C-alpha atoms as a PDB file:
ATOM      1  CA  MET A   1      -8.679   5.472  11.614  1.00  0.00           C
ATOM      2  CA  GLU A   2     -10.468   8.736  11.835  1.00  0.00           C
ATOM      3  CA  ASN A   3      -9.912  10.998   8.826  1.00  0.00           C
ATOM      4  CA  ALA A   4      -7.989   8.259   7.028  1.00  0.00           C
ATOM      5  CA  ASN A   5      -7.500   8.770   3.320  1.00  0.00           C
ATOM      6  CA  ASP A   6      -8.994  12.262   2.985  1.00  0.00           C
ATOM      7  CA  ARG A   7      -7.841  12.864  -0.598  1.00  0.00           C
ATOM      8  CA  SER A   8      -7.340  16.592  -0.106  1.00  0.00           C
ATOM      9  CA  ASP A   9      -4.930  16.013   2.787  1.00  0.00           C
ATOM     10  CA  ASN A  10      -3.154  12.956   1.363  1.00  0.00           C
ATOM     11  CA  PRO A  11       0.352  13.928   0.175  1.00  0.00           C
ATOM     12  CA  TYR A  12       0.874  10.412  -1.184  1.00  0.00           C
ATOM     13  CA  THR A  13      -1.650  10.474  -4.025  1.00  0.00           C
ATOM     14  CA  GLN A  14       1.327  11.231  -6.293  1.00  0.00           C
ATOM     15  CA  LEU A  15       2.312   7.541  -5.926  1.00  0.00           C
ATOM     16  CA  GLU A  16      -0.868   6.405  -7.639  1.00  0.00           C
ATOM     17  CA  GLY A  17       0.025   4.920 -11.006  1.00  0.00           C
ATOM     18  CA  TYR A  18       3.556   3.977  -9.947  1.00  0.00           C
ATOM     19  CA  ARG A  19       4.621   0.477 -11.077  1.00  0.00           C
ATOM     20  CA  VAL A  20       5.109  -2.021  -8.243  1.00  0.00           C
ATOM     21  CA  TYR A  21       7.883  -4.629  -8.236  1.00  0.00           C
ATOM     22  CA  ASP A  22       7.908  -7.646  -5.944  1.00  0.00           C
ATOM     23  CA  ALA A  23      10.837  -9.130  -3.993  1.00  0.00           C
ATOM     24  CA  HIS A  24      12.103 -10.812  -7.190  1.00  0.00           C
ATOM     25  CA  GLY A  25      12.012  -7.632  -9.263  1.00  0.00           C
ATOM     26  CA  GLU A  26       8.931  -8.716 -11.217  1.00  0.00           C
ATOM     27  CA  GLU A  27       6.281  -6.113 -11.961  1.00  0.00           C
ATOM     28  CA  VAL A  28       3.086  -7.023 -10.115  1.00  0.00           C
ATOM     29  CA  GLY A  29       0.897  -4.051 -11.062  1.00  0.00           C
ATOM     30  CA  ARG A  30       0.407  -0.384 -10.334  1.00  0.00           C
ATOM     31  CA  ILE A  31      -0.653   1.530  -7.255  1.00  0.00           C
ATOM     32  CA  ASP A  32      -4.391   2.197  -7.513  1.00  0.00           C
ATOM     33  CA  ASP A  33      -4.796   4.107  -4.283  1.00  0.00           C
ATOM     34  CA  THR A  34      -2.978   5.196  -1.144  1.00  0.00           C
ATOM     35  CA  VAL A  35      -4.306   5.102   2.408  1.00  0.00           C
ATOM     36  CA  TYR A  36      -3.028   7.988   4.513  1.00  0.00           C
ATOM     37  CA  ASP A  37      -3.715   8.438   8.209  1.00  0.00           C
ATOM     38  CA  ALA A  38      -3.804  12.215   8.593  1.00  0.00           C
ATOM     39  CA  PRO A  39      -3.797  12.353  12.419  1.00  0.00           C
ATOM     40  CA  SER A  40      -0.527  10.427  12.596  1.00  0.00           C
ATOM     41  CA  ASP A  41       0.778  11.836   9.269  1.00  0.00           C
ATOM     42  CA  VAL A  42       1.631   8.327   8.022  1.00  0.00           C
ATOM     43  CA  LEU A  43       1.144   6.498   4.739  1.00  0.00           C
ATOM     44  CA  LYS A  44      -0.489   3.293   5.996  1.00  0.00           C
ATOM     45  CA  TYR A  45      -1.048   1.263   2.829  1.00  0.00           C
ATOM     46  CA  VAL A  46      -0.795   1.229  -0.909  1.00  0.00           C
ATOM     47  CA  VAL A  47      -3.564  -0.510  -2.825  1.00  0.00           C
ATOM     48  CA  LEU A  48      -2.635  -2.717  -5.743  1.00  0.00           C
ATOM     49  CA  GLY A  49      -5.413  -4.394  -7.705  1.00  0.00           C
ATOM     50  CA  GLY A  50      -7.741  -4.024  -4.731  1.00  0.00           C
ATOM     51  CA  ARG A  51      -5.187  -5.670  -2.421  1.00  0.00           C
ATOM     52  CA  ILE A  52      -3.673  -3.868   0.547  1.00  0.00           C
ATOM     53  CA  VAL A  53       0.111  -3.700   0.976  1.00  0.00           C
ATOM     54  CA  PRO A  54       1.581  -2.156   4.154  1.00  0.00           C
ATOM     55  CA  ALA A  55       3.548   0.956   3.271  1.00  0.00           C
ATOM     56  CA  GLU A  56       6.138   0.834   6.053  1.00  0.00           C
ATOM     57  CA  ARG A  57       8.480  -1.422   4.038  1.00  0.00           C
ATOM     58  CA  ILE A  58       8.020  -0.071   0.519  1.00  0.00           C
ATOM     59  CA  GLU A  59      10.899   1.551  -1.304  1.00  0.00           C
ATOM     60  CA  VAL A  60       9.905   4.446  -3.566  1.00  0.00           C
ATOM     61  CA  HIS A  61      11.894   5.210  -6.740  1.00  0.00           C
ATOM     62  CA  VAL A  62      10.688   8.650  -7.817  1.00  0.00           C
ATOM     63  CA  GLU A  63      13.016   8.838 -10.827  1.00  0.00           C
ATOM     64  CA  ASP A  64      11.288   5.945 -12.617  1.00  0.00           C
ATOM     65  CA  GLN A  65       7.922   6.193 -10.840  1.00  0.00           C
ATOM     66  CA  SER A  66       8.110   2.756  -9.283  1.00  0.00           C
ATOM     67  CA  VAL A  67       7.890   1.095  -5.891  1.00  0.00           C
ATOM     68  CA  SER A  68       9.646  -2.047  -4.645  1.00  0.00           C
ATOM     69  CA  VAL A  69       8.021  -4.237  -2.006  1.00  0.00           C
ATOM     70  CA  PRO A  70       9.734  -7.025  -0.046  1.00  0.00           C
ATOM     71  CA  TYR A  71       6.954  -9.514  -0.764  1.00  0.00           C
ATOM     72  CA  ASP A  72       6.415 -12.204  -3.410  1.00  0.00           C
ATOM     73  CA  ALA A  73       3.634 -11.741  -5.962  1.00  0.00           C
ATOM     74  CA  GLU A  74       1.752 -14.670  -4.418  1.00  0.00           C
ATOM     75  CA  VAL A  75       1.709 -12.978  -1.003  1.00  0.00           C
ATOM     76  CA  ILE A  76       0.338  -9.775  -2.517  1.00  0.00           C
ATOM     77  CA  GLU A  77      -2.277 -11.625  -4.573  1.00  0.00           C
ATOM     78  CA  SER A  78      -3.559 -13.465  -1.496  1.00  0.00           C
ATOM     79  CA  ALA A  79      -3.660 -10.354   0.715  1.00  0.00           C
ATOM     80  CA  PRO A  80      -6.931  -9.035   2.122  1.00  0.00           C
ATOM     81  CA  HIS A  81      -8.989  -6.830  -0.178  1.00  0.00           C
ATOM     82  CA  ILE A  82      -9.482  -3.258   0.877  1.00  0.00           C
ATOM     83  CA  ALA A  83     -12.170  -3.102   3.568  1.00  0.00           C
ATOM     84  CA  HIS A  84     -13.447  -0.883   6.334  1.00  0.00           C
ATOM     85  CA  PHE A  85     -10.401   0.234   8.258  1.00  0.00           C
ATOM     86  CA  SER A  86     -10.267  -0.796  11.879  1.00  0.00           C
ATOM     87  CA  GLY A  87      -7.800  -2.200  14.361  1.00  0.00           C
ATOM     88  CA  ALA A  88      -8.929  -5.724  13.439  1.00  0.00           C
ATOM     89  CA  PHE A  89      -8.370  -5.036   9.725  1.00  0.00           C
ATOM     90  CA  ASP A  90      -4.904  -3.591  10.416  1.00  0.00           C
ATOM     91  CA  GLU A  91      -4.066  -6.658  12.463  1.00  0.00           C
ATOM     92  CA  ALA A  92      -5.252  -9.048   9.720  1.00  0.00           C
ATOM     93  CA  VAL A  93      -3.194  -7.255   7.078  1.00  0.00           C
ATOM     94  CA  HIS A  94      -0.040  -7.211   9.162  1.00  0.00           C
ATOM     95  CA  LYS A  95      -0.493 -10.846  10.134  1.00  0.00           C
ATOM     96  CA  HIS A  96      -0.771 -11.754   6.439  1.00  0.00           C
ATOM     97  CA  TYR A  97       2.507  -9.983   5.591  1.00  0.00           C
ATOM     98  CA  ARG A  98       4.590 -11.459   8.428  1.00  0.00           C
END
């Protein structure tokens, strides 16, 4: 992903620090980082404790600065750690969250 996560262009950095709740409503941590693909203008991932979570299915609650994800804590905890972004990495992450 060329130009991915250029902090100056990333409009999603405001999500960093938001609490994250799993599919059961349990808090599983806070967003450490956001991965934005500038060429496609898409938030690709949120990073939680070094683990990647696909952003396409997150639900953002601005009023209480939280995010809900449709995954169990165990799925998040066993997700791939942030790595060099490539098509193979994207595929591995999405395969994990199926």
